[in-house]
Amino acid sequence: MIIRKLKNGSELKQCFNLSMEFFEQYKMEGFPVDQRFAYSNLSQMSQFKYFRLLEEEGKIVGWYAAEVVVPLLYNNTRMLQLLIYHTTLKGRKGINALLDVHDDLLEFAKEKRIPYVLTNSVLPNKATFGRVLKSDGWCEFGSSWVKETGVRPRQAASGRRNRSLDTEGMGQLNASQTASPVDSGMVEL
């Protein structure tokens, strides 16, 4: 499997079609899919600095997008947050793709000197998603998972260094102690 950048509009259309199949599989009551709105959002996401495709045997089998955010109300620690991930891969291939995607997120974050990667799933398969990531060293962080990149956090605006997150105690945090992706502020890479 190859992880790469988007090349053209035809590939974007393939990503859209893949997502429509994905939405069909994971129907959520009360949240109908508006295809125009979905395509518009996908087009906007494809312009992000971090938008990648999964390709297997010359065929697009997934895509994902991430942005740098400062999701915590109480400090300015930057995190690379996975915003969306869709794939048609299942079983062992799906698990390997999930791990490859998250390894790619970690590498990108290290290159950009971002100390943490934040990810989550809102789909019915979120328990498996979390179990796979936990087995790879990710820590539960409210309803999300986080992993350190090994990069030291930048100095806070006050001149004091940010303290790194205590990854040992992360599993004890509850959802009310973490910011939701909706509340997150986007920052430039």
Foldseek 3Di string as FASTA:
>chain_A
DDKAADDDPVVLVLQLVLVVVVCVVFPDPPDDDDSVVVSVVSVVQSPDPAKIFDDDPRHTFKIWGWFWWQWAPPFRQIEIETDDITGPDDDPVVLVVLVVVVVVRLVVCVVVLRFKYKYADPTPCRVVSVVSVVVVPWAAAARITMDTSPRATDDTPVRHGDDDDDRVCRNVDHNVNTGDPVPIDGDDD
